[in-house]
Structures are given as structure tokens and as C-alpha cells.
């Protein structure tokens, strides 16, 4: 996922909405292959779509997510999407 290194989307639906988790440690090398093997076609396609996002699209999508959350406790969206600028 191409968001700020220390943040990722979790899907703990206990309170009815997804959360961004604070993932301070680096991701395991090769996690994409593991994910693709177990996640299923729809999630694999979503992962690849996220990988190809442009900065403005990332900001737009996170703003949509922010608008449907009860509480937004995360870094500024532009900061979360910043690595996309570095990859493009």
C-alpha cells in the first residue's frame, strides 16, 4: 500500500468503521506475494490499484474516507500520501 510508511488501513469492524493503524515497524519483504496468494482476486486488484494511484487521487480517496469516519485521528492526508510523490 502506498501510504505513509508508518500508517496502514486496518479492517477491525468492531465499531463499524475501518481504522488507520500505526505500523511503526517496516513491512515484511515480499508481503505482496503473500497477500496476493491468500487475499483473493478482488483484494489483489485493489492492492494493485492503490499501488498505481497518483498523489491527487490518493488525497481525494482519503478525503472521502475521512468524510465517512466518526473520528479522524491520523496525520494530515497530504502527509499520508507523500510517498506517492516520491515514487512518481
N, C-alpha and C. Protein backbone atom coordinates (compact mmCIF):
# COMPACT_ATOMS: atom_id res chain seq x y z
N UNK A 1 0.85 -1.17 0.00
CA UNK A 1 0.00 0.00 0.00
C UNK A 1 0.89 1.23 0.00
N UNK A 2 0.60 2.17 -0.82
CA UNK A 2 1.46 3.34 -0.94
C UNK A 2 0.92 4.51 -0.16
N UNK A 3 0.91 4.39 1.16
CA UNK A 3 0.61 5.50 2.05
C UNK A 3 1.82 5.68 2.94
N UNK A 4 1.78 6.68 3.79
CA UNK A 4 2.91 6.94 4.68
C UNK A 4 3.36 5.64 5.34
N UNK A 5 4.65 5.41 5.38
CA UNK A 5 5.25 4.15 5.84
C UNK A 5 4.69 3.66 7.18
N UNK A 6 4.44 4.56 8.10
CA UNK A 6 4.02 4.15 9.45
C UNK A 6 2.51 4.02 9.61
N UNK A 7 1.75 4.14 8.54
CA UNK A 7 0.29 4.06 8.65
C UNK A 7 -0.25 3.10 7.62
N UNK A 8 -1.23 2.31 8.00
CA UNK A 8 -1.89 1.43 7.06
C UNK A 8 -3.33 1.24 7.48
N UNK A 9 -4.15 0.83 6.54
CA UNK A 9 -5.56 0.64 6.81
C UNK A 9 -5.80 -0.71 7.45
N UNK A 10 -6.55 -0.73 8.54
CA UNK A 10 -6.95 -1.98 9.15
C UNK A 10 -8.45 -2.12 8.98
N UNK A 11 -8.93 -3.31 9.11
CA UNK A 11 -10.36 -3.52 8.93
C UNK A 11 -10.97 -4.16 10.16
N UNK A 12 -10.70 -3.60 11.33
CA UNK A 12 -11.35 -4.03 12.55
C UNK A 12 -12.71 -3.34 12.60
N UNK A 13 -13.73 -4.09 12.26
CA UNK A 13 -15.07 -3.51 12.13
C UNK A 13 -15.82 -3.54 13.46
N UNK A 14 -15.13 -3.70 14.58
CA UNK A 14 -15.78 -3.80 15.88
C UNK A 14 -16.66 -2.57 16.17
N UNK A 15 -16.25 -1.42 15.70
CA UNK A 15 -17.02 -0.21 15.95
C UNK A 15 -17.68 0.31 14.67
N UNK A 16 -17.73 -0.52 13.65
CA UNK A 16 -18.45 -0.18 12.44
C UNK A 16 -17.68 0.63 11.41
N UNK A 17 -16.40 0.86 11.62
CA UNK A 17 -15.63 1.61 10.62
C UNK A 17 -14.18 1.15 10.63
N UNK A 18 -13.50 1.29 9.48
CA UNK A 18 -12.08 0.91 9.44
C UNK A 18 -11.24 1.92 10.21
N UNK A 19 -10.04 1.53 10.54
CA UNK A 19 -9.12 2.40 11.25
C UNK A 19 -7.78 2.41 10.52
N UNK A 20 -7.04 3.51 10.69
CA UNK A 20 -5.65 3.52 10.27
C UNK A 20 -4.84 3.07 11.47
N UNK A 21 -3.98 2.08 11.27
CA UNK A 21 -3.16 1.63 12.38
C UNK A 21 -1.77 2.25 12.27
N UNK A 22 -1.14 2.39 13.40
CA UNK A 22 0.20 2.94 13.48
C UNK A 22 1.19 1.78 13.38
N UNK A 23 1.69 1.52 12.20
CA UNK A 23 2.58 0.39 11.94
C UNK A 23 4.02 0.89 11.93
N UNK A 24 4.59 1.07 13.09
CA UNK A 24 5.93 1.66 13.22
C UNK A 24 7.04 0.81 12.60
N UNK A 25 6.89 -0.49 12.59
CA UNK A 25 7.92 -1.36 12.03
C UNK A 25 7.73 -1.49 10.52
N UNK A 26 8.78 -1.84 9.81
CA UNK A 26 8.68 -1.98 8.36
C UNK A 26 7.90 -3.23 8.00
N UNK A 27 7.36 -3.23 6.79
CA UNK A 27 6.61 -4.38 6.29
C UNK A 27 7.60 -5.48 5.93
N UNK A 28 7.17 -6.71 6.06
CA UNK A 28 8.00 -7.87 5.71
C UNK A 28 8.30 -7.85 4.21
N UNK A 29 9.54 -8.11 3.85
CA UNK A 29 9.88 -8.22 2.43
C UNK A 29 9.04 -9.31 1.79
N UNK A 30 8.52 -9.02 0.62
CA UNK A 30 7.72 -10.00 -0.10
C UNK A 30 6.28 -10.11 0.37
N UNK A 31 5.81 -9.16 1.19
CA UNK A 31 4.45 -9.25 1.71
C UNK A 31 3.41 -9.24 0.60
N UNK A 32 3.72 -8.57 -0.52
CA UNK A 32 2.76 -8.51 -1.62
C UNK A 32 2.44 -9.90 -2.17
N UNK A 33 3.48 -10.74 -2.32
CA UNK A 33 3.26 -12.10 -2.83
C UNK A 33 2.42 -12.92 -1.86
N UNK A 34 2.69 -12.78 -0.56
CA UNK A 34 1.91 -13.49 0.44
C UNK A 34 0.46 -13.01 0.40
N UNK A 35 0.28 -11.71 0.38
CA UNK A 35 -1.06 -11.13 0.32
C UNK A 35 -1.81 -11.62 -0.91
N UNK A 36 -1.16 -11.55 -2.07
CA UNK A 36 -1.80 -11.96 -3.33
C UNK A 36 -2.20 -13.43 -3.31
N UNK A 37 -1.42 -14.25 -2.62
CA UNK A 37 -1.72 -15.68 -2.57
C UNK A 37 -2.95 -15.98 -1.72
N UNK A 38 -3.18 -15.20 -0.67
CA UNK A 38 -4.25 -15.54 0.28
C UNK A 38 -5.46 -14.60 0.25
N UNK A 39 -5.34 -13.44 -0.35
CA UNK A 39 -6.38 -12.42 -0.20
C UNK A 39 -7.56 -12.59 -1.14
N UNK A 40 -7.35 -13.18 -2.28
CA UNK A 40 -8.43 -13.28 -3.26
C UNK A 40 -8.34 -12.20 -4.32
N UNK A 41 -8.96 -12.47 -5.44
CA UNK A 41 -8.82 -11.63 -6.63
C UNK A 41 -9.23 -10.17 -6.40
N UNK A 42 -10.34 -9.94 -5.73
CA UNK A 42 -10.81 -8.57 -5.53
C UNK A 42 -9.82 -7.73 -4.72
N UNK A 43 -9.28 -8.33 -3.65
CA UNK A 43 -8.33 -7.59 -2.83
C UNK A 43 -6.99 -7.42 -3.53
N UNK A 44 -6.59 -8.39 -4.32
CA UNK A 44 -5.35 -8.26 -5.10
C UNK A 44 -5.49 -7.11 -6.09
N UNK A 45 -6.63 -7.05 -6.77
CA UNK A 45 -6.87 -5.96 -7.71
C UNK A 45 -6.88 -4.61 -7.01
N UNK A 46 -7.48 -4.55 -5.82
CA UNK A 46 -7.49 -3.30 -5.05
C UNK A 46 -6.08 -2.89 -4.65
N UNK A 47 -5.26 -3.86 -4.22
CA UNK A 47 -3.88 -3.54 -3.84
C UNK A 47 -3.11 -2.97 -5.02
N UNK A 48 -3.28 -3.57 -6.18
CA UNK A 48 -2.58 -3.10 -7.38
C UNK A 48 -3.08 -1.73 -7.81
N UNK A 49 -4.38 -1.49 -7.64
CA UNK A 49 -4.94 -0.19 -7.99
C UNK A 49 -4.36 0.89 -7.07
N UNK A 50 -4.26 0.59 -5.79
CA UNK A 50 -3.69 1.54 -4.84
C UNK A 50 -2.24 1.83 -5.20
N UNK A 51 -1.50 0.80 -5.59
CA UNK A 51 -0.10 0.95 -5.95
C UNK A 51 0.08 1.94 -7.11
N UNK A 52 -0.91 2.02 -7.99
CA UNK A 52 -0.78 2.89 -9.17
C UNK A 52 -1.43 4.26 -8.98
N UNK A 53 -1.87 4.59 -7.76
CA UNK A 53 -2.52 5.87 -7.50
C UNK A 53 -1.58 7.05 -7.77
N UNK A 54 -2.16 8.12 -8.20
CA UNK A 54 -1.46 9.40 -8.29
C UNK A 54 -1.72 10.16 -6.98
N UNK A 55 -0.88 11.13 -6.67
CA UNK A 55 -0.99 11.87 -5.42
C UNK A 55 -2.38 12.49 -5.24
N UNK A 56 -2.86 13.19 -6.26
CA UNK A 56 -4.17 13.84 -6.15
C UNK A 56 -5.29 12.83 -5.93
N UNK A 57 -5.19 11.67 -6.56
CA UNK A 57 -6.19 10.62 -6.37
C UNK A 57 -6.13 10.08 -4.94
N UNK A 58 -4.92 9.92 -4.42
CA UNK A 58 -4.73 9.45 -3.05
C UNK A 58 -5.39 10.42 -2.07
N UNK A 59 -5.11 11.72 -2.24
CA UNK A 59 -5.69 12.73 -1.36
C UNK A 59 -7.22 12.71 -1.47
N UNK A 60 -7.73 12.64 -2.68
CA UNK A 60 -9.18 12.58 -2.89
C UNK A 60 -9.80 11.38 -2.19
N UNK A 61 -9.20 10.21 -2.38
CA UNK A 61 -9.74 8.99 -1.78
C UNK A 61 -9.71 9.04 -0.26
N UNK A 62 -8.61 9.56 0.32
CA UNK A 62 -8.53 9.67 1.76
C UNK A 62 -9.51 10.70 2.29
N UNK A 63 -9.75 11.78 1.54
CA UNK A 63 -10.77 12.75 1.95
C UNK A 63 -12.15 12.11 1.98
N UNK A 64 -12.44 11.25 1.02
CA UNK A 64 -13.71 10.53 1.03
C UNK A 64 -13.81 9.63 2.26
N UNK A 65 -12.72 8.92 2.57
CA UNK A 65 -12.69 8.07 3.75
C UNK A 65 -12.87 8.90 5.02
N UNK A 66 -12.17 10.02 5.08
CA UNK A 66 -12.27 10.91 6.25
C UNK A 66 -13.70 11.39 6.46
N UNK A 67 -14.39 11.68 5.36
CA UNK A 67 -15.75 12.21 5.45
C UNK A 67 -16.76 11.19 5.98
N UNK A 68 -16.43 9.91 5.92
CA UNK A 68 -17.38 8.90 6.41
C UNK A 68 -16.96 8.30 7.75
N UNK A 69 -15.89 8.81 8.33
CA UNK A 69 -15.45 8.30 9.63
C UNK A 69 -16.02 9.17 10.74
N UNK A 70 -16.25 8.56 11.88
CA UNK A 70 -16.73 9.31 13.03
C UNK A 70 -15.66 10.16 13.66
N UNK A 71 -14.43 9.68 13.62
CA UNK A 71 -13.30 10.40 14.20
C UNK A 71 -12.09 10.18 13.33
N UNK A 72 -11.41 11.24 12.95
CA UNK A 72 -10.21 11.16 12.12
C UNK A 72 -9.02 11.48 12.99
N UNK A 73 -8.33 10.45 13.42
CA UNK A 73 -7.16 10.61 14.29
C UNK A 73 -5.96 10.06 13.53
N UNK A 74 -5.45 10.85 12.61
CA UNK A 74 -4.36 10.43 11.73
C UNK A 74 -3.57 11.66 11.29
N UNK A 75 -2.39 11.46 10.76
CA UNK A 75 -1.64 12.59 10.23
C UNK A 75 -2.42 13.26 9.10
N UNK A 76 -2.01 14.46 8.71
CA UNK A 76 -2.67 15.11 7.57
C UNK A 76 -2.63 14.20 6.35
N UNK A 77 -3.68 14.25 5.58
CA UNK A 77 -3.81 13.37 4.42
C UNK A 77 -2.65 13.55 3.45
N UNK A 78 -2.24 14.79 3.24
CA UNK A 78 -1.12 15.04 2.33
C UNK A 78 0.15 14.35 2.80
N UNK A 79 0.32 14.26 4.13
CA UNK A 79 1.48 13.57 4.68
C UNK A 79 1.37 12.06 4.46
N UNK A 80 0.18 11.51 4.60
CA UNK A 80 -0.02 10.08 4.38
C UNK A 80 0.29 9.73 2.92
N UNK A 81 -0.11 10.60 1.99
CA UNK A 81 0.07 10.32 0.56
C UNK A 81 1.44 10.75 0.02
N UNK A 82 2.24 11.40 0.84
CA UNK A 82 3.53 11.92 0.40
C UNK A 82 4.43 10.91 -0.31
N UNK A 83 4.51 9.66 0.12
CA UNK A 83 5.39 8.71 -0.58
C UNK A 83 5.02 8.52 -2.06
N UNK A 84 3.78 8.79 -2.41
CA UNK A 84 3.39 8.68 -3.82
C UNK A 84 4.13 9.71 -4.66
N UNK A 85 4.33 10.91 -4.10
CA UNK A 85 5.10 11.93 -4.82
C UNK A 85 6.53 11.46 -5.05
N UNK A 86 7.08 10.75 -4.08
CA UNK A 86 8.45 10.27 -4.18
C UNK A 86 8.61 9.14 -5.18
N UNK A 87 7.55 8.33 -5.38
CA UNK A 87 7.63 7.21 -6.31
C UNK A 87 7.39 7.64 -7.74
N UNK A 88 6.65 8.75 -7.96
CA UNK A 88 6.31 9.18 -9.32
C UNK A 88 7.33 10.14 -9.88
